[in-house]
C-alpha atoms as a PDB file:
ATOM      1  CA  MET A   1     -14.304 -56.747  57.923  1.00  0.00           C
ATOM      2  CA  GLU A   2     -11.869 -55.219  60.413  1.00  0.00           C
ATOM      3  CA  VAL A   3     -14.430 -55.517  63.213  1.00  0.00           C
ATOM      4  CA  ILE A   4     -14.756 -59.251  62.603  1.00  0.00           C
ATOM      5  CA  ILE A   5     -10.993 -59.668  62.752  1.00  0.00           C
ATOM      6  CA  VAL A   6     -10.799 -57.736  66.033  1.00  0.00           C
ATOM      7  CA  ILE A   7     -13.601 -59.851  67.542  1.00  0.00           C
ATOM      8  CA  TYR A   8     -11.918 -63.022  66.303  1.00  0.00           C
ATOM      9  CA  PHE A   9      -8.607 -62.134  67.958  1.00  0.00           C
ATOM     10  CA  ALA A  10     -10.379 -61.000  71.135  1.00  0.00           C
ATOM     11  CA  VAL A  11     -12.046 -64.422  71.430  1.00  0.00           C
ATOM     12  CA  ILE A  12      -8.720 -66.167  70.816  1.00  0.00           C
ATOM     13  CA  ILE A  13      -7.016 -64.114  73.542  1.00  0.00           C
ATOM     14  CA  LEU A  14      -9.929 -64.778  75.914  1.00  0.00           C
ATOM     15  CA  MET A  15      -9.706 -68.538  75.309  1.00  0.00           C
ATOM     16  CA  ILE A  16      -5.921 -68.566  75.809  1.00  0.00           C
ATOM     17  CA  ALA A  17      -6.321 -66.659  79.080  1.00  0.00           C
ATOM     18  CA  ALA A  18      -9.125 -69.020  80.176  1.00  0.00           C
ATOM     19  CA  MET A  19      -7.148 -72.187  79.450  1.00  0.00           C
ATOM     20  CA  TRP A  20      -4.039 -70.691  81.091  1.00  0.00           C
ATOM     21  CA  THR A  21      -6.083 -70.003  84.238  1.00  0.00           C
ATOM     22  CA  ILE A  22      -7.739 -73.448  84.195  1.00  0.00           C
ATOM     23  CA  PHE A  23      -4.325 -75.107  84.001  1.00  0.00           C
ATOM     24  CA  SER A  24      -3.049 -72.896  86.828  1.00  0.00           C
ATOM     25  CA  LYS A  25      -6.077 -73.689  89.014  1.00  0.00           C
ATOM     26  CA  ALA A  26      -5.306 -77.381  88.544  1.00  0.00           C
ATOM     27  CA  GLY A  27      -1.729 -76.867  89.739  1.00  0.00           C
ATOM     28  CA  LYS A  28      -0.154 -77.194  86.309  1.00  0.00           C
ATOM     29  CA  PRO A  29       1.950 -74.544  84.566  1.00  0.00           C
ATOM     30  CA  GLY A  30      -0.280 -72.104  82.700  1.00  0.00           C
ATOM     31  CA  TRP A  31       2.136 -71.791  79.791  1.00  0.00           C
ATOM     32  CA  ALA A  32       1.507 -75.479  79.021  1.00  0.00           C
ATOM     33  CA  SER A  33      -1.907 -74.508  77.651  1.00  0.00           C
ATOM     34  CA  ILE A  34      -0.342 -72.806  74.625  1.00  0.00           C
ATOM     35  CA  VAL A  35       2.134 -75.536  73.643  1.00  0.00           C
ATOM     36  CA  PRO A  36       0.654 -77.849  70.992  1.00  0.00           C
ATOM     37  CA  ILE A  37       0.341 -81.548  71.929  1.00  0.00           C
ATOM     38  CA  TYR A  38       1.848 -80.881  75.363  1.00  0.00           C
ATOM     39  CA  ASN A  39      -1.356 -79.044  76.305  1.00  0.00           C
ATOM     40  CA  ILE A  40      -3.336 -82.211  75.609  1.00  0.00           C
ATOM     41  CA  ILE A  41      -0.904 -84.274  77.683  1.00  0.00           C
ATOM     42  CA  VAL A  42      -1.284 -81.878  80.623  1.00  0.00           C
ATOM     43  CA  LEU A  43      -5.077 -81.793  80.160  1.00  0.00           C
ATOM     44  CA  LEU A  44      -5.130 -85.592  80.346  1.00  0.00           C
ATOM     45  CA  GLU A  45      -3.146 -85.358  83.604  1.00  0.00           C
ATOM     46  CA  ILE A  46      -5.652 -82.822  84.974  1.00  0.00           C
ATOM     47  CA  VAL A  47      -8.609 -85.098  84.258  1.00  0.00           C
ATOM     48  CA  GLY A  48      -6.801 -88.252  85.379  1.00  0.00           C
ATOM     49  CA  LYS A  49      -6.575 -90.113  82.091  1.00  0.00           C
ATOM     50  CA  ALA A  50      -3.613 -92.169  80.900  1.00  0.00           C
ATOM     51  CA  LEU A  51      -1.167 -90.801  78.346  1.00  0.00           C
ATOM     52  CA  TRP A  52      -2.220 -93.381  75.744  1.00  0.00           C
ATOM     53  CA  TRP A  53      -5.551 -91.517  75.407  1.00  0.00           C
ATOM     54  CA  LEU A  54      -3.545 -89.100  73.269  1.00  0.00           C
ATOM     55  CA  LEU A  55      -3.317 -91.867  70.653  1.00  0.00           C
ATOM     56  CA  LEU A  56      -7.098 -92.280  70.747  1.00  0.00           C
ATOM     57  CA  MET A  57      -7.414 -88.593  69.881  1.00  0.00           C
ATOM     58  CA  LEU A  58      -5.636 -89.308  66.592  1.00  0.00           C
ATOM     59  CA  ILE A  59      -8.281 -91.766  65.378  1.00  0.00           C
ATOM     60  CA  PRO A  60     -11.057 -90.132  63.324  1.00  0.00           C
ATOM     61  CA  ILE A  61     -14.549 -90.259  64.881  1.00  0.00           C
ATOM     62  CA  VAL A  62     -13.126 -91.922  68.009  1.00  0.00           C
ATOM     63  CA  ASN A  63     -11.428 -88.599  68.779  1.00  0.00           C
ATOM     64  CA  ILE A  64     -14.827 -86.867  69.036  1.00  0.00           C
ATOM     65  CA  VAL A  65     -16.029 -89.356  71.642  1.00  0.00           C
ATOM     66  CA  ILE A  66     -12.737 -89.180  73.556  1.00  0.00           C
ATOM     67  CA  LEU A  67     -12.803 -85.370  73.525  1.00  0.00           C
ATOM     68  CA  ILE A  68     -16.345 -85.340  74.930  1.00  0.00           C
ATOM     69  CA  ILE A  69     -15.247 -87.718  77.699  1.00  0.00           C
ATOM     70  CA  VAL A  70     -12.216 -85.544  78.504  1.00  0.00           C
ATOM     71  CA  ILE A  71     -14.334 -82.376  78.572  1.00  0.00           C
ATOM     72  CA  HIS A  72     -16.835 -84.085  80.878  1.00  0.00           C
ATOM     73  CA  GLN A  73     -14.011 -85.205  83.169  1.00  0.00           C
ATOM     74  CA  LEU A  74     -12.690 -81.627  83.165  1.00  0.00           C
ATOM     75  CA  SER A  75     -16.116 -80.426  84.201  1.00  0.00           C
ATOM     76  CA  LEU A  76     -16.264 -83.006  87.004  1.00  0.00           C
ATOM     77  CA  SER A  77     -12.732 -82.101  88.102  1.00  0.00           C
ATOM     78  CA  PHE A  78     -13.962 -78.598  88.863  1.00  0.00           C
ATOM     79  CA  GLY A  79     -17.162 -79.722  90.597  1.00  0.00           C
ATOM     80  CA  LYS A  80     -19.502 -79.107  87.677  1.00  0.00           C
ATOM     81  CA  GLY A  81     -22.031 -81.496  86.165  1.00  0.00           C
ATOM     82  CA  GLY A  82     -23.333 -82.698  82.844  1.00  0.00           C
ATOM     83  CA  GLY A  83     -25.116 -79.457  82.030  1.00  0.00           C
ATOM     84  CA  PHE A  84     -21.868 -77.550  82.362  1.00  0.00           C
ATOM     85  CA  THR A  85     -20.206 -80.142  80.132  1.00  0.00           C
ATOM     86  CA  ALA A  86     -22.827 -79.443  77.457  1.00  0.00           C
ATOM     87  CA  GLY A  87     -22.068 -75.738  77.824  1.00  0.00           C
ATOM     88  CA  LEU A  88     -18.333 -76.358  77.417  1.00  0.00           C
ATOM     89  CA  ILE A  89     -18.994 -78.340  74.245  1.00  0.00           C
ATOM     90  CA  LEU A  90     -21.633 -76.121  72.639  1.00  0.00           C
ATOM     91  CA  LEU A  91     -20.691 -72.658  73.941  1.00  0.00           C
ATOM     92  CA  GLY A  92     -17.032 -73.012  74.828  1.00  0.00           C
ATOM     93  CA  ALA A  93     -16.236 -69.310  74.352  1.00  0.00           C
ATOM     94  CA  ILE A  94     -18.638 -68.571  77.219  1.00  0.00           C
ATOM     95  CA  PHE A  95     -18.231 -71.570  79.523  1.00  0.00           C
ATOM     96  CA  TYR A  96     -14.419 -71.914  79.534  1.00  0.00           C
ATOM     97  CA  PRO A  97     -14.027 -68.338  80.863  1.00  0.00           C
ATOM     98  CA  ILE A  98     -16.750 -69.069  83.449  1.00  0.00           C
ATOM     99  CA  LEU A  99     -14.793 -72.135  84.561  1.00  0.00           C
ATOM    100  CA  ALA A 100     -11.518 -70.200  84.605  1.00  0.00           C
ATOM    101  CA  PHE A 101     -12.535 -66.901  86.154  1.00  0.00           C
ATOM    102  CA  GLY A 102     -15.467 -68.090  88.258  1.00  0.00           C
ATOM    103  CA  ASP A 103     -15.368 -69.582  91.732  1.00  0.00           C
ATOM    104  CA  ALA A 104     -14.821 -73.177  90.584  1.00  0.00           C
ATOM    105  CA  LYS A 105     -12.076 -74.971  92.499  1.00  0.00           C
ATOM    106  CA  TYR A 106     -10.051 -77.918  91.252  1.00  0.00           C
ATOM    107  CA  LEU A 107     -11.206 -80.974  93.190  1.00  0.00           C
ATOM    108  CA  GLY A 108      -8.801 -83.470  91.674  1.00  0.00           C
ATOM    109  CA  ALA A 109      -8.995 -85.734  88.654  1.00  0.00           C
ATOM    110  CA  GLY A 110     -12.610 -86.509  87.862  1.00  0.00           C
ATOM    111  CA  GLY A 111     -13.857 -84.564  90.861  1.00  0.00           C
ATOM    112  CA  GLN A 112     -12.144 -86.675  93.508  1.00  0.00           C
ATOM    113  CA  GLN A 113     -11.115 -84.488  96.417  1.00  0.00           C
ATOM    114  CA  THR A 114      -7.353 -84.081  96.793  1.00  0.00           C
ATOM    115  CA  ASN A 115      -5.797 -83.953 100.243  1.00  0.00           C
END
């Protein structure tokens, strides 16, 4: 039982570190990734979506579709494709650290190059 708890907390710490790094790579404050609701607002800024998308995330079933779109836009923002989006959705504990600690560079909202 103790081993499961240690693994659980290790995965949580890994995901916090990954999201912190992803936010930092996008030029946003890393600490914003651990503040509830504000982290979604900053994530929407990173992917180039309007603030009112936060309201869509409060609607049951619609929120699943919106979250998939936001994750795909996050993938595109770092120069990754649809396959990487599927990895982020299905195996997030593996793919978010790859996005954070790998060589992916932030290209701008939705993958549009920033100058």
